[in-house]
Amino acid sequence: MPIPIPGLDYINLYLIEDEEGWTMVDSGFNSDKIRDLWRGIFKKYLKGKPVNRLICTHFHPDHMGLAGWVTGEWNIPLTMTFGEWTFGRMLYLEAADKTPDSVVEFYRSVGFNEKMLDRVRGRGFNHFQRAMTPVPMSFDRIADGDVLHIGKRDWQVIVGTGHSPEHACLYSAADHILISGDQVLPRITPHIGIYPAEPFANPLGKFIGSIDKLDSLPKDTLVLPAHNDVFTGLHNQLDFYRAHHDERLNRLFEACDAPQSAIDLLPVLFDRELSDSDKGLAIAEGLAHCHYLVGEGKLDRIRDETGVWKFHRPGESRRAVA
């Protein structure tokens, strides 16, 4: 399905046939175009059987955006982990035309200048709501280790963290198939970022720990990701993620011989020049790497006289950073 996300263009959504109907895995972005595409699929490909379950891997709008519409159309439950449903419903209900002061202060504390803060203020706080249909008030909870029987297969729920709070992957041990959502993608790394709702989190630490759980899957596992192509070579991709993040963590560590803000460190992490619109995602990723090093005891975090958080190696000069 198409999605309005630069560089991705489309998302892979899955229909799994069951004895009495179909299970959908993820719903797509909220748009009239995607609703019309789904209506065409429902009419042409379902063999007269209904959709009887929607599983959303996580709360991001390209995955959960049409959950309210799909569950309403078919009068079916939404199936998700607790953390993903809670976060998605919270963000949907918290939408506001005015950006909350606490959000502006978060970006000020990471080093945004006034021009960048004006962009934060000007965009409001309702992008998430616009990308979603109303998030259902109730849901069926799944958790790590649960087994779902769909069609002729049993699918084990494997929960990953870091990209989102409790991302659900589905694994068929009988056929060595992993529906990985955004937790494992070919060619690109999942976005790991820090945002105002959890400003001192360590999502990169959680991500690295959670992909370790996938090491035990067979080498011939067929990975069905949410973006780009179906692939084999799961373990090569996991090793790539570890090497990718290690290389960036080493860059940051070497750059922090003196106190640096997350904004100061963006050129260390990214080899291309970033536009102001790019810096929102970039600063989220930069903070995730900084907080990982803080969690490992390799960097200290201090607040300067202007209220901006700075990062430096322990034992290095703590010269004035105003």
C-alpha atoms as a PDB file:
ATOM      1  CA  MET A   1       0.000   0.000   0.000  1.00  0.00           C
ATOM      2  CA  PRO A   2       1.276   3.526  -0.681  1.00  0.00           C
ATOM      3  CA  ILE A   3       2.297   5.719   2.248  1.00  0.00           C
ATOM      4  CA  PRO A   4       3.206   9.429   2.354  1.00  0.00           C
ATOM      5  CA  ILE A   5       6.626   8.864   3.942  1.00  0.00           C
ATOM      6  CA  PRO A   6       9.631  10.088   1.935  1.00  0.00           C
ATOM      7  CA  GLY A   7      12.035   7.309   1.048  1.00  0.00           C
ATOM      8  CA  LEU A   8       9.626   4.463   1.813  1.00  0.00           C
ATOM      9  CA  ASP A   9       6.772   4.964  -0.695  1.00  0.00           C
ATOM     10  CA  TYR A  10       4.861   1.824   0.292  1.00  0.00           C
ATOM     11  CA  ILE A  11       4.163  -0.563   3.149  1.00  0.00           C
ATOM     12  CA  ASN A  12       3.681  -4.327   3.056  1.00  0.00           C
ATOM     13  CA  LEU A  13       0.418  -5.377   4.700  1.00  0.00           C
ATOM     14  CA  TYR A  14      -0.545  -9.025   5.035  1.00  0.00           C
ATOM     15  CA  LEU A  15      -3.713 -11.106   4.738  1.00  0.00           C
ATOM     16  CA  ILE A  16      -3.581 -14.645   6.171  1.00  0.00           C
ATOM     17  CA  GLU A  17      -6.403 -17.012   5.248  1.00  0.00           C
ATOM     18  CA  ASP A  18      -8.125 -18.852   8.067  1.00  0.00           C
ATOM     19  CA  GLU A  19     -10.795 -21.546   8.045  1.00  0.00           C
ATOM     20  CA  GLU A  20     -13.619 -19.056   8.500  1.00  0.00           C
ATOM     21  CA  GLY A  21     -12.107 -15.841   7.191  1.00  0.00           C
ATOM     22  CA  TRP A  22      -8.984 -13.715   7.032  1.00  0.00           C
ATOM     23  CA  THR A  23      -6.571 -12.173   9.495  1.00  0.00           C
ATOM     24  CA  MET A  24      -5.102  -8.791   8.518  1.00  0.00           C
ATOM     25  CA  VAL A  25      -1.662  -7.832   9.766  1.00  0.00           C
ATOM     26  CA  ASP A  26      -1.494  -4.023   9.871  1.00  0.00           C
ATOM     27  CA  SER A  27      -3.997  -1.680   8.249  1.00  0.00           C
ATOM     28  CA  GLY A  28      -2.116   1.086   6.456  1.00  0.00           C
ATOM     29  CA  PHE A  29      -2.179   4.875   6.591  1.00  0.00           C
ATOM     30  CA  ASN A  30      -5.444   6.780   6.974  1.00  0.00           C
ATOM     31  CA  SER A  31      -6.359   8.084   3.525  1.00  0.00           C
ATOM     32  CA  ASP A  32      -9.270   7.829   1.101  1.00  0.00           C
ATOM     33  CA  LYS A  33      -6.940   6.261  -1.474  1.00  0.00           C
ATOM     34  CA  ILE A  34      -5.931   3.398   0.805  1.00  0.00           C
ATOM     35  CA  ARG A  35      -9.513   2.811   1.952  1.00  0.00           C
ATOM     36  CA  ASP A  36     -10.533   2.491  -1.703  1.00  0.00           C
ATOM     37  CA  LEU A  37      -7.668   0.069  -2.362  1.00  0.00           C
ATOM     38  CA  TRP A  38      -8.770  -2.064   0.581  1.00  0.00           C
ATOM     39  CA  ARG A  39     -12.376  -2.067  -0.646  1.00  0.00           C
ATOM     40  CA  GLY A  40     -11.161  -3.379  -3.994  1.00  0.00           C
ATOM     41  CA  ILE A  41      -9.123  -6.108  -2.292  1.00  0.00           C
ATOM     42  CA  PHE A  42     -12.028  -7.069  -0.037  1.00  0.00           C
ATOM     43  CA  LYS A  43     -14.312  -7.386  -3.068  1.00  0.00           C
ATOM     44  CA  LYS A  44     -11.924  -9.255  -5.366  1.00  0.00           C
ATOM     45  CA  TYR A  45      -9.673 -11.478  -3.273  1.00  0.00           C
ATOM     46  CA  LEU A  46     -11.415 -12.645  -0.082  1.00  0.00           C
ATOM     47  CA  LYS A  47     -13.335 -15.533  -1.726  1.00  0.00           C
ATOM     48  CA  GLY A  48     -16.538 -14.390  -0.069  1.00  0.00           C
ATOM     49  CA  LYS A  49     -15.086 -14.804   3.427  1.00  0.00           C
ATOM     50  CA  PRO A  50     -14.897 -11.974   5.976  1.00  0.00           C
ATOM     51  CA  VAL A  51     -11.960 -10.365   7.703  1.00  0.00           C
ATOM     52  CA  ASN A  52     -12.303 -11.689  11.252  1.00  0.00           C
ATOM     53  CA  ARG A  53      -9.245 -10.242  12.979  1.00  0.00           C
ATOM     54  CA  LEU A  54      -6.890  -7.268  12.645  1.00  0.00           C
ATOM     55  CA  ILE A  55      -3.449  -7.529  14.232  1.00  0.00           C
ATOM     56  CA  CYS A  56      -1.419  -4.320  14.353  1.00  0.00           C
ATOM     57  CA  THR A  57       2.286  -4.812  14.938  1.00  0.00           C
ATOM     58  CA  HIS A  58       2.671  -1.356  16.492  1.00  0.00           C
ATOM     59  CA  PHE A  59       1.047   2.047  16.839  1.00  0.00           C
ATOM     60  CA  HIS A  60       2.723   4.012  14.032  1.00  0.00           C
ATOM     61  CA  PRO A  61       0.169   5.492  11.599  1.00  0.00           C
ATOM     62  CA  ASP A  62       1.336   3.548   8.536  1.00  0.00           C
ATOM     63  CA  HIS A  63       0.520   0.380  10.489  1.00  0.00           C
ATOM     64  CA  MET A  64      -2.408   1.393  12.710  1.00  0.00           C
ATOM     65  CA  GLY A  65      -3.837   4.340  10.778  1.00  0.00           C
ATOM     66  CA  LEU A  66      -6.927   2.546   9.472  1.00  0.00           C
ATOM     67  CA  ALA A  67      -7.446   0.274  12.484  1.00  0.00           C
ATOM     68  CA  GLY A  68     -10.595   2.100  13.547  1.00  0.00           C
ATOM     69  CA  TRP A  69     -12.045   1.917  10.048  1.00  0.00           C
ATOM     70  CA  VAL A  70     -11.192  -1.764   9.460  1.00  0.00           C
ATOM     71  CA  THR A  71     -12.539  -2.922  12.816  1.00  0.00           C
ATOM     72  CA  GLY A  72     -15.691  -0.876  12.261  1.00  0.00           C
ATOM     73  CA  GLU A  73     -16.247  -2.146   8.708  1.00  0.00           C
ATOM     74  CA  TRP A  74     -16.005  -5.778   9.760  1.00  0.00           C
ATOM     75  CA  ASN A  75     -17.183  -5.490  13.381  1.00  0.00           C
ATOM     76  CA  ILE A  76     -14.033  -7.225  14.616  1.00  0.00           C
ATOM     77  CA  PRO A  77     -11.591  -6.679  17.476  1.00  0.00           C
ATOM     78  CA  LEU A  78      -8.262  -4.919  17.225  1.00  0.00           C
ATOM     79  CA  THR A  79      -5.456  -7.209  18.393  1.00  0.00           C
ATOM     80  CA  MET A  80      -2.278  -5.566  19.730  1.00  0.00           C
ATOM     81  CA  THR A  81       0.130  -5.548  22.616  1.00  0.00           C
ATOM     82  CA  PHE A  82      -0.875  -3.413  25.578  1.00  0.00           C
ATOM     83  CA  GLY A  83       1.952  -0.905  25.168  1.00  0.00           C
ATOM     84  CA  GLU A  84       1.223  -0.264  21.498  1.00  0.00           C
ATOM     85  CA  TRP A  85      -2.536   0.167  21.915  1.00  0.00           C
ATOM     86  CA  THR A  86      -2.062   2.434  24.930  1.00  0.00           C
ATOM     87  CA  PHE A  87       0.489   4.665  23.227  1.00  0.00           C
ATOM     88  CA  GLY A  88      -1.532   4.902  20.027  1.00  0.00           C
ATOM     89  CA  ARG A  89      -4.753   5.789  21.823  1.00  0.00           C
ATOM     90  CA  MET A  90      -2.960   8.300  24.048  1.00  0.00           C
ATOM     91  CA  LEU A  91      -1.411  10.137  21.101  1.00  0.00           C
ATOM     92  CA  TYR A  92      -4.700  10.132  19.220  1.00  0.00           C
ATOM     93  CA  LEU A  93      -6.587  11.645  22.163  1.00  0.00           C
ATOM     94  CA  GLU A  94      -3.847  14.160  23.052  1.00  0.00           C
ATOM     95  CA  ALA A  95      -3.999  15.945  19.695  1.00  0.00           C
ATOM     96  CA  ALA A  96      -4.131  19.741  19.883  1.00  0.00           C
ATOM     97  CA  ASP A  97      -3.827  22.660  17.476  1.00  0.00           C
ATOM     98  CA  LYS A  98      -1.266  24.315  19.746  1.00  0.00           C
ATOM     99  CA  THR A  99       2.021  22.601  20.461  1.00  0.00           C
ATOM    100  CA  PRO A 100       2.257  22.017  24.243  1.00  0.00           C
ATOM    101  CA  ASP A 101       4.853  24.129  26.041  1.00  0.00           C
ATOM    102  CA  SER A 102       6.468  20.964  27.394  1.00  0.00           C
ATOM    103  CA  VAL A 103       7.169  19.795  23.832  1.00  0.00           C
ATOM    104  CA  VAL A 104       8.757  23.130  22.932  1.00  0.00           C
ATOM    105  CA  GLU A 105      10.889  22.967  26.077  1.00  0.00           C
ATOM    106  CA  PHE A 106      12.021  19.444  25.213  1.00  0.00           C
ATOM    107  CA  TYR A 107      13.383  20.637  21.880  1.00  0.00           C
ATOM    108  CA  ARG A 108      14.916  23.707  23.496  1.00  0.00           C
ATOM    109  CA  SER A 109      16.723  21.438  25.969  1.00  0.00           C
ATOM    110  CA  VAL A 110      18.321  19.399  23.175  1.00  0.00           C
ATOM    111  CA  GLY A 111      19.703  22.500  21.477  1.00  0.00           C
ATOM    112  CA  PHE A 112      17.113  23.774  18.991  1.00  0.00           C
ATOM    113  CA  ASN A 113      17.546  27.477  18.184  1.00  0.00           C
ATOM    114  CA  GLU A 114      14.617  29.916  18.036  1.00  0.00           C
ATOM    115  CA  LYS A 115      14.067  29.441  14.297  1.00  0.00           C
ATOM    116  CA  MET A 116      13.784  25.693  14.791  1.00  0.00           C
ATOM    117  CA  LEU A 117      11.545  26.154  17.834  1.00  0.00           C
ATOM    118  CA  ASP A 118       9.222  28.331  15.747  1.00  0.00           C
ATOM    119  CA  ARG A 119       8.837  25.380  13.379  1.00  0.00           C
ATOM    120  CA  VAL A 120       7.949  23.159  16.348  1.00  0.00           C
ATOM    121  CA  ARG A 121       5.350  25.672  17.541  1.00  0.00           C
ATOM    122  CA  GLY A 122       3.947  26.194  14.057  1.00  0.00           C
ATOM    123  CA  ARG A 123       3.281  22.563  13.207  1.00  0.00           C
ATOM    124  CA  GLY A 124       0.815  22.021  16.053  1.00  0.00           C
ATOM    125  CA  PHE A 125       0.327  18.724  17.832  1.00  0.00           C
ATOM    126  CA  ASN A 126      -2.205  16.882  15.702  1.00  0.00           C
ATOM    127  CA  HIS A 127      -0.193  15.185  12.945  1.00  0.00           C
ATOM    128  CA  PHE A 128      -0.755  11.786  14.548  1.00  0.00           C
ATOM    129  CA  GLN A 129      -4.507  12.251  14.813  1.00  0.00           C
ATOM    130  CA  ARG A 130      -4.796  13.327  11.172  1.00  0.00           C
ATOM    131  CA  ALA A 131      -2.988  10.137  10.100  1.00  0.00           C
ATOM    132  CA  MET A 132      -5.366   7.899  12.086  1.00  0.00           C
ATOM    133  CA  THR A 133      -8.969   6.856  12.194  1.00  0.00           C
ATOM    134  CA  PRO A 134     -10.291   6.858  15.784  1.00  0.00           C
ATOM    135  CA  VAL A 135      -8.387   4.279  17.811  1.00  0.00           C
ATOM    136  CA  PRO A 136     -10.841   1.680  19.164  1.00  0.00           C
ATOM    137  CA  MET A 137     -11.677   2.011  22.865  1.00  0.00           C
ATOM    138  CA  SER A 138     -11.102  -1.700  23.451  1.00  0.00           C
ATOM    139  CA  PHE A 139      -8.722  -4.316  22.106  1.00  0.00           C
ATOM    140  CA  ASP A 140      -7.609  -7.943  22.433  1.00  0.00           C
ATOM    141  CA  ARG A 141      -4.229  -8.074  24.134  1.00  0.00           C
ATOM    142  CA  ILE A 142      -1.340 -10.195  22.899  1.00  0.00           C
ATOM    143  CA  ALA A 143       1.980 -10.573  24.691  1.00  0.00           C
ATOM    144  CA  ASP A 144       5.420 -12.055  24.134  1.00  0.00           C
ATOM    145  CA  GLY A 145       5.227 -15.835  23.865  1.00  0.00           C
ATOM    146  CA  ASP A 146       1.534 -16.016  22.994  1.00  0.00           C
ATOM    147  CA  VAL A 147       0.629 -18.394  20.163  1.00  0.00           C
ATOM    148  CA  LEU A 148      -2.067 -17.457  17.638  1.00  0.00           C
ATOM    149  CA  HIS A 149      -3.615 -20.170  15.484  1.00  0.00           C
ATOM    150  CA  ILE A 150      -4.302 -18.746  12.017  1.00  0.00           C
ATOM    151  CA  GLY A 151      -5.202 -21.101   9.201  1.00  0.00           C
ATOM    152  CA  LYS A 152      -2.900 -24.109   9.255  1.00  0.00           C
ATOM    153  CA  ARG A 153      -0.132 -22.388  11.187  1.00  0.00           C
ATOM    154  CA  ASP A 154       0.636 -21.476  14.760  1.00  0.00           C
ATOM    155  CA  TRP A 155       2.238 -18.046  15.032  1.00  0.00           C
ATOM    156  CA  GLN A 156       4.301 -17.181  18.088  1.00  0.00           C
ATOM    157  CA  VAL A 157       4.274 -13.557  19.212  1.00  0.00           C
ATOM    158  CA  ILE A 158       7.811 -12.195  19.594  1.00  0.00           C
ATOM    159  CA  VAL A 159       7.814  -8.733  21.146  1.00  0.00           C
ATOM    160  CA  GLY A 160      10.581  -6.340  20.194  1.00  0.00           C
ATOM    161  CA  THR A 161      11.318  -2.924  21.655  1.00  0.00           C
ATOM    162  CA  GLY A 162      13.245   0.190  20.701  1.00  0.00           C
ATOM    163  CA  HIS A 163      11.478   1.145  17.477  1.00  0.00           C
ATOM    164  CA  SER A 164       8.240   1.256  19.461  1.00  0.00           C
ATOM    165  CA  PRO A 165       7.194   0.208  22.988  1.00  0.00           C
ATOM    166  CA  GLU A 166       6.027  -3.402  22.435  1.00  0.00           C
ATOM    167  CA  HIS A 167       6.280  -4.219  18.738  1.00  0.00           C
ATOM    168  CA  ALA A 168       4.706  -7.591  17.876  1.00  0.00           C
ATOM    169  CA  CYS A 169       6.417  -9.877  15.360  1.00  0.00           C
ATOM    170  CA  LEU A 170       4.761 -13.160  14.348  1.00  0.00           C
ATOM    171  CA  TYR A 171       6.813 -16.317  13.841  1.00  0.00           C
ATOM    172  CA  SER A 172       5.731 -19.633  12.331  1.00  0.00           C
ATOM    173  CA  ALA A 173       8.148 -22.270  13.637  1.00  0.00           C
ATOM    174  CA  ALA A 174       6.714 -24.921  11.318  1.00  0.00           C
ATOM    175  CA  ASP A 175       7.545 -22.971   8.175  1.00  0.00           C
ATOM    176  CA  HIS A 176      10.344 -20.687   9.402  1.00  0.00           C
ATOM    177  CA  ILE A 177       8.420 -17.506   8.494  1.00  0.00           C
ATOM    178  CA  LEU A 178       8.789 -14.239  10.421  1.00  0.00           C
ATOM    179  CA  ILE A 179       6.364 -11.350   9.910  1.00  0.00           C
ATOM    180  CA  SER A 180       8.730  -8.726  11.249  1.00  0.00           C
ATOM    181  CA  GLY A 181       6.863  -5.428  10.888  1.00  0.00           C
ATOM    182  CA  ASP A 182       9.397  -2.639  11.363  1.00  0.00           C
ATOM    183  CA  GLN A 183      11.562  -4.536  13.850  1.00  0.00           C
ATOM    184  CA  VAL A 184      13.670  -6.103  11.083  1.00  0.00           C
ATOM    185  CA  LEU A 185      13.902  -4.466   7.654  1.00  0.00           C
ATOM    186  CA  PRO A 186      16.138  -5.162   4.654  1.00  0.00           C
ATOM    187  CA  ARG A 187      18.655  -2.535   3.522  1.00  0.00           C
ATOM    188  CA  ILE A 188      17.678   0.051   6.140  1.00  0.00           C
ATOM    189  CA  THR A 189      17.779   0.257   9.920  1.00  0.00           C
ATOM    190  CA  PRO A 190      14.559   0.781  11.891  1.00  0.00           C
ATOM    191  CA  HIS A 191      14.177   4.296  13.267  1.00  0.00           C
ATOM    192  CA  ILE A 192      15.209   4.387  16.930  1.00  0.00           C
ATOM    193  CA  GLY A 193      14.451   7.736  18.506  1.00  0.00           C
ATOM    194  CA  ILE A 194      13.703   9.719  21.654  1.00  0.00           C
ATOM    195  CA  TYR A 195      10.654  11.972  21.843  1.00  0.00           C
ATOM    196  CA  PRO A 196       9.087  14.331  24.407  1.00  0.00           C
ATOM    197  CA  ALA A 197       6.823  11.661  25.942  1.00  0.00           C
ATOM    198  CA  GLU A 198       9.863   9.786  27.309  1.00  0.00           C
ATOM    199  CA  PRO A 199      12.772  12.249  27.214  1.00  0.00           C
ATOM    200  CA  PHE A 200      15.329  10.181  29.162  1.00  0.00           C
ATOM    201  CA  ALA A 201      14.624   6.779  27.625  1.00  0.00           C
ATOM    202  CA  ASN A 202      17.218   4.369  26.249  1.00  0.00           C
ATOM    203  CA  PRO A 203      15.429   2.879  23.221  1.00  0.00           C
ATOM    204  CA  LEU A 204      18.646   1.850  21.473  1.00  0.00           C
ATOM    205  CA  GLY A 205      19.597  -0.317  24.439  1.00  0.00           C
ATOM    206  CA  LYS A 206      16.161  -1.920  24.314  1.00  0.00           C
ATOM    207  CA  PHE A 207      16.392  -2.434  20.554  1.00  0.00           C
ATOM    208  CA  ILE A 208      19.788  -4.138  20.694  1.00  0.00           C
ATOM    209  CA  GLY A 209      18.579  -6.367  23.518  1.00  0.00           C
ATOM    210  CA  SER A 210      15.402  -7.306  21.682  1.00  0.00           C
ATOM    211  CA  ILE A 211      17.046  -8.236  18.383  1.00  0.00           C
ATOM    212  CA  ASP A 212      19.254 -10.628  20.341  1.00  0.00           C
ATOM    213  CA  LYS A 213      16.064 -12.659  20.882  1.00  0.00           C
ATOM    214  CA  LEU A 214      15.888 -13.299  17.133  1.00  0.00           C
ATOM    215  CA  ASP A 215      19.346 -14.889  16.965  1.00  0.00           C
ATOM    216  CA  SER A 216      17.850 -18.260  17.867  1.00  0.00           C
ATOM    217  CA  LEU A 217      15.636 -18.380  14.758  1.00  0.00           C
ATOM    218  CA  PRO A 218      16.783 -20.685  11.935  1.00  0.00           C
ATOM    219  CA  LYS A 219      19.192 -19.426   9.286  1.00  0.00           C
ATOM    220  CA  ASP A 220      16.683 -20.102   6.508  1.00  0.00           C
ATOM    221  CA  THR A 221      13.956 -17.967   8.114  1.00  0.00           C
ATOM    222  CA  LEU A 222      11.918 -16.112   5.496  1.00  0.00           C
ATOM    223  CA  VAL A 223      11.402 -12.538   6.706  1.00  0.00           C
ATOM    224  CA  LEU A 224       8.244 -10.689   5.671  1.00  0.00           C
ATOM    225  CA  PRO A 225       8.985  -7.049   6.575  1.00  0.00           C
ATOM    226  CA  ALA A 226       6.719  -4.015   6.543  1.00  0.00           C
ATOM    227  CA  HIS A 227       8.948  -2.122   4.103  1.00  0.00           C
ATOM    228  CA  ASN A 228      11.005  -3.163   1.084  1.00  0.00           C
ATOM    229  CA  ASP A 229      11.297  -6.762  -0.107  1.00  0.00           C
ATOM    230  CA  VAL A 230      10.780 -10.158   1.491  1.00  0.00           C
ATOM    231  CA  PHE A 231      14.204 -11.620   2.273  1.00  0.00           C
ATOM    232  CA  THR A 232      16.291 -14.372   3.816  1.00  0.00           C
ATOM    233  CA  GLY A 233      19.501 -13.697   5.706  1.00  0.00           C
ATOM    234  CA  LEU A 234      17.977 -12.593   9.015  1.00  0.00           C
ATOM    235  CA  HIS A 235      21.189 -13.049  10.983  1.00  0.00           C
ATOM    236  CA  ASN A 236      23.242 -11.035   8.488  1.00  0.00           C
ATOM    237  CA  GLN A 237      20.769  -8.194   8.907  1.00  0.00           C
ATOM    238  CA  LEU A 238      20.922  -8.384  12.711  1.00  0.00           C
ATOM    239  CA  ASP A 239      24.728  -8.274  12.528  1.00  0.00           C
ATOM    240  CA  PHE A 240      24.478  -5.277  10.205  1.00  0.00           C
ATOM    241  CA  TYR A 241      22.318  -3.456  12.757  1.00  0.00           C
ATOM    242  CA  ARG A 242      24.830  -4.097  15.526  1.00  0.00           C
ATOM    243  CA  ALA A 243      27.774  -2.957  13.395  1.00  0.00           C
ATOM    244  CA  HIS A 244      25.888   0.111  12.167  1.00  0.00           C
ATOM    245  CA  HIS A 245      25.045   1.293  15.668  1.00  0.00           C
ATOM    246  CA  ASP A 246      28.486   0.407  17.066  1.00  0.00           C
ATOM    247  CA  GLU A 247      30.131   2.556  14.403  1.00  0.00           C
ATOM    248  CA  ARG A 248      27.922   5.536  15.234  1.00  0.00           C
ATOM    249  CA  LEU A 249      28.357   5.064  18.960  1.00  0.00           C
ATOM    250  CA  ASN A 250      32.128   5.107  18.494  1.00  0.00           C
ATOM    251  CA  ARG A 251      31.858   8.330  16.490  1.00  0.00           C
ATOM    252  CA  LEU A 252      29.872   9.971  19.276  1.00  0.00           C
ATOM    253  CA  PHE A 253      32.193   8.785  22.009  1.00  0.00           C
ATOM    254  CA  GLU A 254      35.247  10.172  20.216  1.00  0.00           C
ATOM    255  CA  ALA A 255      33.514  13.510  19.590  1.00  0.00           C
ATOM    256  CA  CYS A 256      32.597  14.086  23.244  1.00  0.00           C
ATOM    257  CA  ASP A 257      36.004  15.085  24.590  1.00  0.00           C
ATOM    258  CA  ALA A 258      34.258  18.359  25.488  1.00  0.00           C
ATOM    259  CA  PRO A 259      30.563  18.880  26.314  1.00  0.00           C
ATOM    260  CA  GLN A 260      28.376  18.686  23.212  1.00  0.00           C
ATOM    261  CA  SER A 261      24.633  19.065  22.734  1.00  0.00           C
ATOM    262  CA  ALA A 262      22.676  16.613  20.618  1.00  0.00           C
ATOM    263  CA  ILE A 263      22.370  19.306  17.940  1.00  0.00           C
ATOM    264  CA  ASP A 264      26.147  19.807  18.004  1.00  0.00           C
ATOM    265  CA  LEU A 265      26.601  16.081  17.406  1.00  0.00           C
ATOM    266  CA  LEU A 266      24.354  15.701  14.357  1.00  0.00           C
ATOM    267  CA  PRO A 267      27.233  16.274  11.870  1.00  0.00           C
ATOM    268  CA  VAL A 268      29.120  13.496  13.659  1.00  0.00           C
ATOM    269  CA  LEU A 269      26.276  11.028  13.083  1.00  0.00           C
ATOM    270  CA  PHE A 270      25.090  12.093   9.643  1.00  0.00           C
ATOM    271  CA  ASP A 271      27.385  12.491   6.657  1.00  0.00           C
ATOM    272  CA  ARG A 272      24.932  14.631   4.691  1.00  0.00           C
ATOM    273  CA  GLU A 273      23.696  18.136   5.364  1.00  0.00           C
ATOM    274  CA  LEU A 274      20.349  18.085   7.135  1.00  0.00           C
ATOM    275  CA  SER A 275      17.509  20.465   6.381  1.00  0.00           C
ATOM    276  CA  ASP A 276      15.522  21.900   9.279  1.00  0.00           C
ATOM    277  CA  SER A 277      12.691  19.499   8.443  1.00  0.00           C
ATOM    278  CA  ASP A 278      15.120  16.554   8.650  1.00  0.00           C
ATOM    279  CA  LYS A 279      16.364  17.512  12.075  1.00  0.00           C
ATOM    280  CA  GLY A 280      13.311  16.284  13.990  1.00  0.00           C
ATOM    281  CA  LEU A 281      13.971  12.621  13.165  1.00  0.00           C
ATOM    282  CA  ALA A 282      17.729  13.152  13.233  1.00  0.00           C
ATOM    283  CA  ILE A 283      17.748  14.647  16.723  1.00  0.00           C
ATOM    284  CA  ALA A 284      15.587  11.760  17.962  1.00  0.00           C
ATOM    285  CA  GLU A 285      18.133   9.255  16.632  1.00  0.00           C
ATOM    286  CA  GLY A 286      21.071  11.272  17.926  1.00  0.00           C
ATOM    287  CA  LEU A 287      19.609  11.387  21.418  1.00  0.00           C
ATOM    288  CA  ALA A 288      18.982   7.639  21.338  1.00  0.00           C
ATOM    289  CA  HIS A 289      22.676   7.029  20.685  1.00  0.00           C
ATOM    290  CA  CYS A 290      23.757   9.532  23.343  1.00  0.00           C
ATOM    291  CA  HIS A 291      21.458   7.993  25.945  1.00  0.00           C
ATOM    292  CA  TYR A 292      22.754   4.525  25.140  1.00  0.00           C
ATOM    293  CA  LEU A 293      26.287   5.691  25.932  1.00  0.00           C
ATOM    294  CA  VAL A 294      25.037   7.349  29.129  1.00  0.00           C
ATOM    295  CA  GLY A 295      23.384   4.072  30.114  1.00  0.00           C
ATOM    296  CA  GLU A 296      26.643   2.219  29.478  1.00  0.00           C
ATOM    297  CA  GLY A 297      28.559   4.706  31.651  1.00  0.00           C
ATOM    298  CA  LYS A 298      30.610   5.912  28.681  1.00  0.00           C
ATOM    299  CA  LEU A 299      29.176   9.442  28.620  1.00  0.00           C
ATOM    300  CA  ASP A 300      27.962  11.823  31.299  1.00  0.00           C
ATOM    301  CA  ARG A 301      24.955  14.099  30.779  1.00  0.00           C
ATOM    302  CA  ILE A 302      24.997  17.588  32.278  1.00  0.00           C
ATOM    303  CA  ARG A 303      22.770  20.640  31.874  1.00  0.00           C
ATOM    304  CA  ASP A 304      24.419  23.924  30.980  1.00  0.00           C
ATOM    305  CA  GLU A 305      23.481  27.405  32.190  1.00  0.00           C
ATOM    306  CA  THR A 306      21.000  27.852  29.326  1.00  0.00           C
ATOM    307  CA  GLY A 307      19.161  24.613  30.129  1.00  0.00           C
ATOM    308  CA  VAL A 308      20.608  22.607  27.238  1.00  0.00           C
ATOM    309  CA  TRP A 309      21.703  19.024  27.892  1.00  0.00           C
ATOM    310  CA  LYS A 310      25.351  18.342  27.029  1.00  0.00           C
ATOM    311  CA  PHE A 311      27.196  15.044  26.756  1.00  0.00           C
ATOM    312  CA  HIS A 312      30.873  14.399  27.490  1.00  0.00           C
ATOM    313  CA  ARG A 313      33.212  11.578  28.344  1.00  0.00           C
ATOM    314  CA  PRO A 314      33.667  10.961  32.094  1.00  0.00           C
ATOM    315  CA  GLY A 315      36.835  12.539  33.399  1.00  0.00           C
ATOM    316  CA  GLU A 316      37.115  14.996  30.509  1.00  0.00           C
ATOM    317  CA  SER A 317      37.226  18.716  31.135  1.00  0.00           C
ATOM    318  CA  ARG A 318      34.003  20.147  32.501  1.00  0.00           C
ATOM    319  CA  ARG A 319      34.790  23.636  31.284  1.00  0.00           C
ATOM    320  CA  ALA A 320      31.982  26.170  31.229  1.00  0.00           C
ATOM    321  CA  VAL A 321      29.433  25.320  28.578  1.00  0.00           C
ATOM    322  CA  ALA A 322      27.166  28.351  28.733  1.00  0.00           C
END
